[in-house]
Amino acid sequence: MAKITSINHIAFAVKNLNESLHNAIEVLGGELMMKFESLEDKYEGACVKFGTSIMSFITSYDPESFIYKYVEKHGNGIQHIGLEIDNIEQYVNDLEKKGVKVDTTEMSDKKFPESLVGPKTGNGVVLQLTGWKEGPFDATYEGCDRLCEKYTQNPKLKLIVGNQLKK
């Protein structure tokens, strides 16, 4: 039976990315992993390492972006939680059999399959299900490299600042 194996990251939608990164790094003591942009969904963001955990921060300055709309409605806050799944294909299939609506748009990515479950099932927050085939994006140098690879191989994404973790 497929299952959730861990919380991969917590993503915060924020009004000002630079202020949020300053707070996360300079005040709270996090370490910048990388910065990125979603060309299709019109948002930018960054991942910050805290020990073995990751927080990501995403923002948009485009009023048509779902992130911009989220922040306007809710203010800064948790937008989604990323979950590691041991067998994502089976897990998504099991959820759908239970009547859960799953966005499988990114499941076609053979190396980095992901899906989304809405806030109704996620107790008020979107759940990003990840089942990357060559290992998770995690708070290790190698995990950050995998994430950077995803942002360079997918034409809908753009890597702005690559892996900043020390080997």
N, C-alpha and C. Protein backbone atom coordinates (compact mmCIF):
# COMPACT_ATOMS: atom_id res chain seq x y z
N MET A 1 0.84 -1.18 0.00
CA MET A 1 0.00 0.00 0.00
C MET A 1 0.88 1.25 0.00
N ALA A 2 0.62 2.17 -0.91
CA ALA A 2 1.38 3.41 -1.01
C ALA A 2 1.06 4.32 0.17
N LYS A 3 2.07 5.13 0.58
CA LYS A 3 1.85 5.98 1.75
C LYS A 3 2.73 7.22 1.71
N ILE A 4 2.37 8.18 2.55
CA ILE A 4 3.18 9.36 2.78
C ILE A 4 4.35 8.93 3.65
N THR A 5 5.58 9.29 3.24
CA THR A 5 6.74 8.92 4.04
C THR A 5 7.30 10.09 4.85
N SER A 6 7.04 11.32 4.40
CA SER A 6 7.54 12.47 5.16
C SER A 6 6.95 13.77 4.64
N ILE A 7 7.06 14.79 5.46
CA ILE A 7 6.78 16.15 5.00
C ILE A 7 8.05 16.64 4.33
N ASN A 8 7.95 17.02 3.07
CA ASN A 8 9.11 17.46 2.31
C ASN A 8 9.42 18.93 2.56
N HIS A 9 8.38 19.77 2.49
CA HIS A 9 8.58 21.21 2.70
C HIS A 9 7.26 21.87 3.03
N ILE A 10 7.37 23.06 3.58
CA ILE A 10 6.20 23.91 3.83
C ILE A 10 6.41 25.16 3.00
N ALA A 11 5.40 25.52 2.19
CA ALA A 11 5.52 26.67 1.30
C ALA A 11 4.62 27.81 1.79
N PHE A 12 5.23 28.97 1.93
CA PHE A 12 4.52 30.16 2.36
C PHE A 12 4.32 31.09 1.17
N ALA A 13 3.09 31.52 0.95
CA ALA A 13 2.81 32.58 -0.02
C ALA A 13 3.05 33.89 0.72
N VAL A 14 3.83 34.77 0.10
CA VAL A 14 4.22 36.01 0.77
C VAL A 14 4.06 37.21 -0.17
N LYS A 15 3.84 38.35 0.43
CA LYS A 15 3.68 39.58 -0.34
C LYS A 15 5.03 40.08 -0.86
N ASN A 16 6.08 39.96 -0.04
CA ASN A 16 7.39 40.48 -0.42
C ASN A 16 8.45 39.41 -0.20
N LEU A 17 8.95 38.86 -1.30
CA LEU A 17 9.91 37.76 -1.22
C LEU A 17 11.21 38.20 -0.54
N ASN A 18 11.73 39.36 -0.89
CA ASN A 18 13.00 39.80 -0.30
C ASN A 18 12.88 39.97 1.22
N GLU A 19 11.81 40.55 1.69
CA GLU A 19 11.61 40.71 3.14
C GLU A 19 11.50 39.34 3.82
N SER A 20 10.76 38.43 3.19
CA SER A 20 10.59 37.09 3.77
C SER A 20 11.91 36.33 3.82
N LEU A 21 12.73 36.47 2.77
CA LEU A 21 14.03 35.80 2.76
C LEU A 21 14.97 36.43 3.78
N HIS A 22 14.94 37.73 3.91
CA HIS A 22 15.76 38.39 4.94
C HIS A 22 15.39 37.84 6.32
N ASN A 23 14.10 37.76 6.60
CA ASN A 23 13.65 37.24 7.88
C ASN A 23 14.09 35.79 8.07
N ALA A 24 13.88 34.96 7.04
CA ALA A 24 14.20 33.54 7.15
C ALA A 24 15.70 33.29 7.33
N ILE A 25 16.51 34.07 6.63
CA ILE A 25 17.96 33.82 6.64
C ILE A 25 18.66 34.63 7.74
N GLU A 26 18.45 35.93 7.75
CA GLU A 26 19.19 36.80 8.67
C GLU A 26 18.64 36.76 10.10
N VAL A 27 17.32 36.62 10.25
CA VAL A 27 16.73 36.63 11.58
C VAL A 27 16.61 35.21 12.15
N LEU A 28 16.04 34.30 11.36
CA LEU A 28 15.80 32.94 11.86
C LEU A 28 16.98 32.00 11.67
N GLY A 29 17.95 32.36 10.82
CA GLY A 29 19.15 31.54 10.67
C GLY A 29 19.09 30.46 9.62
N GLY A 30 18.19 30.59 8.65
CA GLY A 30 18.12 29.61 7.56
C GLY A 30 19.25 29.80 6.57
N GLU A 31 19.36 28.85 5.65
CA GLU A 31 20.39 28.89 4.60
C GLU A 31 19.71 28.83 3.25
N LEU A 32 19.96 29.83 2.39
CA LEU A 32 19.36 29.84 1.06
C LEU A 32 19.80 28.61 0.29
N MET A 33 18.83 27.91 -0.30
CA MET A 33 19.13 26.76 -1.15
C MET A 33 19.19 27.17 -2.61
N MET A 34 18.13 27.83 -3.08
CA MET A 34 18.03 28.24 -4.48
C MET A 34 16.85 29.19 -4.66
N LYS A 35 16.82 29.88 -5.82
CA LYS A 35 15.71 30.75 -6.20
C LYS A 35 15.19 30.28 -7.56
N PHE A 36 13.90 30.48 -7.78
CA PHE A 36 13.28 29.96 -8.99
C PHE A 36 12.11 30.83 -9.44
N GLU A 37 11.61 30.51 -10.63
CA GLU A 37 10.45 31.20 -11.17
C GLU A 37 9.58 30.18 -11.90
N SER A 38 8.27 30.35 -11.78
CA SER A 38 7.32 29.58 -12.58
C SER A 38 6.82 30.51 -13.67
N LEU A 39 7.27 30.26 -14.90
CA LEU A 39 6.90 31.12 -16.02
C LEU A 39 5.41 31.01 -16.35
N GLU A 40 4.88 29.81 -16.25
CA GLU A 40 3.47 29.58 -16.59
C GLU A 40 2.53 30.15 -15.53
N ASP A 41 2.84 29.92 -14.26
CA ASP A 41 1.94 30.35 -13.19
C ASP A 41 2.30 31.73 -12.62
N LYS A 42 3.33 32.35 -13.19
CA LYS A 42 3.68 33.74 -12.88
C LYS A 42 3.98 33.99 -11.41
N TYR A 43 4.87 33.19 -10.86
CA TYR A 43 5.33 33.46 -9.50
C TYR A 43 6.82 33.16 -9.40
N GLU A 44 7.44 33.71 -8.38
CA GLU A 44 8.84 33.42 -8.11
C GLU A 44 8.98 33.01 -6.66
N GLY A 45 10.09 32.36 -6.37
CA GLY A 45 10.25 31.90 -5.01
C GLY A 45 11.67 31.46 -4.70
N ALA A 46 11.81 30.94 -3.50
CA ALA A 46 13.10 30.47 -3.03
C ALA A 46 12.87 29.38 -1.98
N CYS A 47 13.86 28.52 -1.85
CA CYS A 47 13.84 27.48 -0.81
C CYS A 47 14.93 27.80 0.20
N VAL A 48 14.59 27.64 1.47
CA VAL A 48 15.51 27.92 2.56
C VAL A 48 15.60 26.68 3.45
N LYS A 49 16.83 26.31 3.77
CA LYS A 49 17.09 25.14 4.61
C LYS A 49 17.16 25.56 6.08
N PHE A 50 16.47 24.80 6.92
CA PHE A 50 16.55 24.94 8.37
C PHE A 50 16.88 23.55 8.91
N GLY A 51 18.14 23.29 9.18
CA GLY A 51 18.53 21.95 9.62
C GLY A 51 18.24 20.94 8.52
N THR A 52 17.37 19.97 8.80
CA THR A 52 17.01 18.97 7.80
C THR A 52 15.66 19.30 7.14
N SER A 53 15.12 20.48 7.43
CA SER A 53 13.80 20.86 6.91
C SER A 53 13.91 22.00 5.90
N ILE A 54 12.87 22.14 5.08
CA ILE A 54 12.83 23.16 4.04
C ILE A 54 11.57 23.99 4.17
N MET A 55 11.74 25.30 4.05
CA MET A 55 10.61 26.21 3.87
C MET A 55 10.80 26.85 2.51
N SER A 56 9.73 26.93 1.75
CA SER A 56 9.82 27.69 0.51
C SER A 56 8.92 28.90 0.64
N PHE A 57 9.30 29.94 -0.07
CA PHE A 57 8.58 31.20 -0.05
C PHE A 57 8.27 31.56 -1.50
N ILE A 58 6.99 31.83 -1.78
CA ILE A 58 6.58 32.13 -3.15
C ILE A 58 5.78 33.42 -3.16
N THR A 59 5.96 34.20 -4.22
CA THR A 59 5.26 35.47 -4.36
C THR A 59 4.97 35.73 -5.83
N SER A 60 4.06 36.65 -6.07
CA SER A 60 3.77 37.08 -7.43
C SER A 60 3.40 38.55 -7.41
N TYR A 61 3.82 39.23 -8.46
CA TYR A 61 3.47 40.63 -8.63
C TYR A 61 2.45 40.79 -9.76
N ASP A 62 1.98 39.67 -10.29
CA ASP A 62 0.99 39.66 -11.37
C ASP A 62 -0.40 39.42 -10.78
N PRO A 63 -1.31 40.39 -10.90
CA PRO A 63 -2.65 40.24 -10.31
C PRO A 63 -3.45 39.04 -10.83
N GLU A 64 -3.03 38.44 -11.93
CA GLU A 64 -3.72 37.27 -12.47
C GLU A 64 -3.20 35.95 -11.89
N SER A 65 -2.08 35.99 -11.20
CA SER A 65 -1.48 34.78 -10.64
C SER A 65 -2.27 34.29 -9.43
N PHE A 66 -2.39 32.98 -9.30
CA PHE A 66 -3.10 32.41 -8.15
C PHE A 66 -2.38 32.74 -6.84
N ILE A 67 -1.07 32.91 -6.88
CA ILE A 67 -0.33 33.28 -5.66
C ILE A 67 -0.65 34.71 -5.26
N TYR A 68 -0.69 35.61 -6.22
CA TYR A 68 -1.05 37.01 -5.94
C TYR A 68 -2.44 37.06 -5.31
N LYS A 69 -3.37 36.34 -5.91
CA LYS A 69 -4.75 36.32 -5.41
C LYS A 69 -4.82 35.71 -4.01
N TYR A 70 -4.03 34.67 -3.78
CA TYR A 70 -4.01 34.03 -2.47
C TYR A 70 -3.56 35.03 -1.40
N VAL A 71 -2.46 35.73 -1.67
CA VAL A 71 -1.92 36.67 -0.69
C VAL A 71 -2.89 37.84 -0.48
N GLU A 72 -3.51 38.30 -1.54
CA GLU A 72 -4.49 39.39 -1.39
C GLU A 72 -5.66 38.97 -0.50
N LYS A 73 -6.08 37.73 -0.62
CA LYS A 73 -7.23 37.23 0.15
C LYS A 73 -6.85 36.84 1.58
N HIS A 74 -5.71 36.16 1.74
CA HIS A 74 -5.35 35.56 3.03
C HIS A 74 -4.17 36.23 3.73
N GLY A 75 -3.41 37.05 3.02
CA GLY A 75 -2.17 37.58 3.59
C GLY A 75 -1.08 36.53 3.54
N ASN A 76 0.07 36.83 4.12
CA ASN A 76 1.17 35.87 4.17
C ASN A 76 0.72 34.63 4.95
N GLY A 77 1.09 33.46 4.46
CA GLY A 77 0.76 32.25 5.20
C GLY A 77 1.06 31.00 4.41
N ILE A 78 0.81 29.88 5.05
CA ILE A 78 1.07 28.58 4.41
C ILE A 78 0.12 28.40 3.23
N GLN A 79 0.71 28.20 2.05
CA GLN A 79 -0.08 27.99 0.83
C GLN A 79 -0.17 26.51 0.50
N HIS A 80 0.93 25.77 0.71
CA HIS A 80 0.88 24.32 0.51
C HIS A 80 1.93 23.62 1.36
N ILE A 81 1.72 22.33 1.51
CA ILE A 81 2.68 21.46 2.20
C ILE A 81 3.07 20.37 1.20
N GLY A 82 4.38 20.20 1.02
CA GLY A 82 4.89 19.16 0.14
C GLY A 82 5.08 17.87 0.91
N LEU A 83 4.57 16.79 0.36
CA LEU A 83 4.66 15.47 1.00
C LEU A 83 5.41 14.50 0.09
N GLU A 84 6.30 13.73 0.68
CA GLU A 84 6.99 12.65 -0.04
C GLU A 84 6.10 11.42 -0.03
N ILE A 85 5.93 10.81 -1.19
CA ILE A 85 5.11 9.61 -1.34
C ILE A 85 6.00 8.47 -1.84
N ASP A 86 5.90 7.30 -1.23
CA ASP A 86 6.78 6.19 -1.63
C ASP A 86 6.44 5.61 -2.99
N ASN A 87 5.17 5.65 -3.39
CA ASN A 87 4.75 5.19 -4.71
C ASN A 87 3.64 6.13 -5.17
N ILE A 88 4.03 7.23 -5.79
CA ILE A 88 3.08 8.29 -6.10
C ILE A 88 1.97 7.83 -7.04
N GLU A 89 2.31 7.02 -8.02
CA GLU A 89 1.29 6.56 -8.96
C GLU A 89 0.18 5.79 -8.23
N GLN A 90 0.59 4.86 -7.37
CA GLN A 90 -0.39 4.07 -6.61
C GLN A 90 -1.16 4.95 -5.64
N TYR A 91 -0.47 5.88 -4.98
CA TYR A 91 -1.11 6.75 -4.00
C TYR A 91 -2.19 7.61 -4.66
N VAL A 92 -1.86 8.20 -5.81
CA VAL A 92 -2.83 9.02 -6.55
C VAL A 92 -4.01 8.15 -6.97
N ASN A 93 -3.72 6.97 -7.47
CA ASN A 93 -4.79 6.05 -7.86
C ASN A 93 -5.71 5.72 -6.68
N ASP A 94 -5.11 5.45 -5.52
CA ASP A 94 -5.89 5.15 -4.32
C ASP A 94 -6.76 6.33 -3.91
N LEU A 95 -6.20 7.55 -3.98
CA LEU A 95 -6.99 8.75 -3.63
C LEU A 95 -8.17 8.92 -4.58
N GLU A 96 -7.92 8.75 -5.87
CA GLU A 96 -8.99 8.91 -6.85
C GLU A 96 -10.09 7.87 -6.65
N LYS A 97 -9.72 6.65 -6.28
CA LYS A 97 -10.71 5.62 -6.00
C LYS A 97 -11.59 5.99 -4.80
N LYS A 98 -11.02 6.81 -3.89
CA LYS A 98 -11.77 7.28 -2.72
C LYS A 98 -12.58 8.53 -3.03
N GLY A 99 -12.54 8.97 -4.27
CA GLY A 99 -13.32 10.14 -4.67
C GLY A 99 -12.61 11.47 -4.49
N VAL A 100 -11.32 11.43 -4.19
CA VAL A 100 -10.56 12.67 -4.01
C VAL A 100 -10.15 13.19 -5.39
N LYS A 101 -10.39 14.49 -5.62
CA LYS A 101 -9.99 15.11 -6.87
C LYS A 101 -8.50 15.44 -6.77
N VAL A 102 -7.73 14.92 -7.72
CA VAL A 102 -6.28 15.11 -7.73
C VAL A 102 -5.88 15.76 -9.04
N ASP A 103 -5.12 16.84 -8.97
CA ASP A 103 -4.57 17.48 -10.17
C ASP A 103 -3.33 16.70 -10.57
N THR A 104 -3.41 15.98 -11.66
CA THR A 104 -2.32 15.12 -12.09
C THR A 104 -1.54 15.71 -13.27
N THR A 105 -1.65 17.02 -13.48
CA THR A 105 -0.98 17.68 -14.60
C THR A 105 0.51 17.37 -14.65
N GLU A 106 1.18 17.33 -13.52
CA GLU A 106 2.63 17.12 -13.48
C GLU A 106 3.02 15.64 -13.30
N MET A 107 2.05 14.74 -13.36
CA MET A 107 2.37 13.31 -13.22
C MET A 107 3.06 12.77 -14.47
N SER A 108 2.93 13.46 -15.60
CA SER A 108 3.54 12.98 -16.84
C SER A 108 5.06 13.17 -16.85
N ASP A 109 5.59 13.94 -15.92
CA ASP A 109 7.04 14.12 -15.81
C ASP A 109 7.61 12.82 -15.25
N LYS A 110 8.28 12.04 -16.07
CA LYS A 110 8.74 10.71 -15.68
C LYS A 110 9.78 10.74 -14.57
N LYS A 111 10.58 11.80 -14.50
CA LYS A 111 11.64 11.88 -13.50
C LYS A 111 11.17 12.57 -12.22
N PHE A 112 10.28 13.57 -12.37
CA PHE A 112 9.83 14.37 -11.24
C PHE A 112 8.30 14.40 -11.13
N PRO A 113 7.64 13.23 -11.03
CA PRO A 113 6.18 13.25 -10.96
C PRO A 113 5.67 13.89 -9.67
N GLU A 114 4.64 14.73 -9.84
CA GLU A 114 4.00 15.41 -8.71
C GLU A 114 2.51 15.52 -9.00
N SER A 115 1.75 15.71 -7.95
CA SER A 115 0.32 15.99 -8.11
C SER A 115 -0.11 16.89 -6.96
N LEU A 116 -1.31 17.44 -7.09
CA LEU A 116 -1.84 18.35 -6.08
C LEU A 116 -3.20 17.88 -5.60
N VAL A 117 -3.42 18.03 -4.31
CA VAL A 117 -4.71 17.74 -3.70
C VAL A 117 -5.19 19.04 -3.07
N GLY A 118 -6.44 19.37 -3.28
CA GLY A 118 -6.98 20.65 -2.81
C GLY A 118 -7.13 20.77 -1.31
N PRO A 119 -7.42 21.99 -0.87
CA PRO A 119 -7.51 22.26 0.57
C PRO A 119 -8.65 21.53 1.29
N LYS A 120 -9.66 21.10 0.57
CA LYS A 120 -10.74 20.36 1.22
C LYS A 120 -10.19 19.06 1.83
N THR A 121 -9.40 18.35 1.07
CA THR A 121 -8.79 17.11 1.57
C THR A 121 -7.60 17.42 2.47
N GLY A 122 -6.91 18.54 2.21
CA GLY A 122 -5.71 18.90 2.97
C GLY A 122 -5.99 19.70 4.23
N ASN A 123 -7.21 19.63 4.74
CA ASN A 123 -7.56 20.33 5.97
C ASN A 123 -7.24 21.82 5.91
N GLY A 124 -7.59 22.43 4.79
CA GLY A 124 -7.43 23.87 4.64
C GLY A 124 -6.19 24.31 3.88
N VAL A 125 -5.36 23.37 3.48
CA VAL A 125 -4.14 23.71 2.74
C VAL A 125 -3.97 22.75 1.56
N VAL A 126 -3.39 23.26 0.48
CA VAL A 126 -3.09 22.42 -0.68
C VAL A 126 -1.98 21.45 -0.30
N LEU A 127 -2.07 20.22 -0.77
CA LEU A 127 -1.03 19.22 -0.56
C LEU A 127 -0.35 18.93 -1.89
N GLN A 128 0.95 19.09 -1.93
CA GLN A 128 1.74 18.76 -3.11
C GLN A 128 2.34 17.39 -2.85
N LEU A 129 1.96 16.42 -3.66
CA LEU A 129 2.46 15.05 -3.52
C LEU A 129 3.64 14.88 -4.46
N THR A 130 4.79 14.45 -3.93
CA THR A 130 5.97 14.26 -4.75
C THR A 130 6.46 12.83 -4.64
N GLY A 131 6.92 12.31 -5.75
CA GLY A 131 7.46 10.96 -5.79
C GLY A 131 8.59 10.88 -6.79
N TRP A 132 9.59 11.73 -6.61
CA TRP A 132 10.68 11.84 -7.57
C TRP A 132 11.46 10.54 -7.66
N LYS A 133 11.77 10.14 -8.86
CA LYS A 133 12.33 8.82 -9.14
C LYS A 133 13.80 8.66 -8.74
N GLU A 134 14.57 9.75 -8.71
CA GLU A 134 15.99 9.64 -8.37
C GLU A 134 16.29 10.19 -6.98
N GLY A 135 15.26 10.25 -6.14
CA GLY A 135 15.43 10.74 -4.78
C GLY A 135 14.72 12.07 -4.60
N PRO A 136 14.41 12.41 -3.38
CA PRO A 136 13.62 13.61 -3.10
C PRO A 136 14.45 14.88 -3.24
N PHE A 137 13.74 15.99 -3.39
CA PHE A 137 14.41 17.27 -3.17
C PHE A 137 14.32 17.44 -1.67
N ASP A 138 15.47 17.43 -1.03
CA ASP A 138 15.52 17.54 0.42
C ASP A 138 16.60 18.55 0.80
N ALA A 139 16.90 18.66 2.07
CA ALA A 139 17.82 19.69 2.56
C ALA A 139 19.29 19.29 2.42
N THR A 140 19.56 18.29 1.58
CA THR A 140 20.95 17.91 1.31
C THR A 140 21.41 18.61 0.03
N TYR A 141 22.71 18.63 -0.18
CA TYR A 141 23.27 19.21 -1.40
C TYR A 141 22.70 18.48 -2.62
N GLU A 142 22.66 17.15 -2.54
CA GLU A 142 22.15 16.34 -3.66
C GLU A 142 20.66 16.60 -3.90
N GLY A 143 19.90 16.74 -2.84
CA GLY A 143 18.47 17.03 -2.98
C GLY A 143 18.23 18.38 -3.64
N CYS A 144 19.04 19.36 -3.27
CA CYS A 144 18.94 20.68 -3.89
C CYS A 144 19.35 20.61 -5.36
N ASP A 145 20.36 19.82 -5.67
CA ASP A 145 20.76 19.63 -7.07
C ASP A 145 19.60 19.04 -7.90
N ARG A 146 18.87 18.07 -7.32
CA ARG A 146 17.72 17.50 -8.03
C ARG A 146 16.67 18.57 -8.30
N LEU A 147 16.42 19.41 -7.30
CA LEU A 147 15.44 20.48 -7.47
C LEU A 147 15.90 21.45 -8.55
N CYS A 148 17.16 21.82 -8.53
CA CYS A 148 17.70 22.72 -9.55
C CYS A 148 17.59 22.09 -10.94
N GLU A 149 17.83 20.80 -11.03
CA GLU A 149 17.69 20.10 -12.31
C GLU A 149 16.26 20.20 -12.83
N LYS A 150 15.28 20.01 -11.95
CA LYS A 150 13.88 20.13 -12.36
C LYS A 150 13.61 21.51 -12.94
N TYR A 151 14.15 22.55 -12.30
CA TYR A 151 13.90 23.91 -12.75
C TYR A 151 14.69 24.27 -14.01
N THR A 152 15.66 23.48 -14.41
CA THR A 152 16.36 23.74 -15.66
C THR A 152 15.82 22.87 -16.80
N GLN A 153 15.23 21.72 -16.49
CA GLN A 153 14.76 20.83 -17.56
C GLN A 153 13.33 21.11 -17.98
N ASN A 154 12.51 21.69 -17.11
CA ASN A 154 11.10 21.93 -17.41
C ASN A 154 10.94 23.32 -18.04
N PRO A 155 10.42 23.40 -19.28
CA PRO A 155 10.32 24.70 -19.95
C PRO A 155 9.34 25.68 -19.28
N LYS A 156 8.50 25.21 -18.37
CA LYS A 156 7.57 26.09 -17.66
C LYS A 156 8.21 26.73 -16.43
N LEU A 157 9.45 26.29 -16.12
CA LEU A 157 10.14 26.74 -14.91
C LEU A 157 11.47 27.39 -15.28
N LYS A 158 11.99 28.19 -14.36
CA LYS A 158 13.28 28.85 -14.59
C LYS A 158 14.07 28.89 -13.28
N LEU A 159 15.30 28.44 -13.34
CA LEU A 159 16.20 28.53 -12.21
C LEU A 159 16.84 29.91 -12.23
N ILE A 160 16.69 30.67 -11.15
CA ILE A 160 17.26 32.02 -11.08
C ILE A 160 18.62 31.97 -10.39
N VAL A 161 18.71 31.30 -9.25
CA VAL A 161 19.97 31.11 -8.52
C VAL A 161 20.05 29.64 -8.18
N GLY A 162 21.11 28.98 -8.64
CA GLY A 162 21.27 27.54 -8.43
C GLY A 162 21.66 27.17 -7.01
N ASN A 163 21.99 25.93 -6.84
CA ASN A 163 22.31 25.33 -5.55
C ASN A 163 23.31 26.19 -4.76
N GLN A 164 22.87 26.70 -3.62
CA GLN A 164 23.70 27.54 -2.76
C GLN A 164 24.23 26.80 -1.53
N LEU A 165 23.90 25.52 -1.41
CA LEU A 165 24.36 24.75 -0.24
C LEU A 165 25.82 24.37 -0.39
N LYS A 166 26.52 24.33 0.72
CA LYS A 166 27.91 23.92 0.72
C LYS A 166 27.99 22.40 0.69
N LYS A 167 28.88 21.88 -0.14
CA LYS A 167 29.06 20.43 -0.25
C LYS A 167 29.70 19.87 0.98
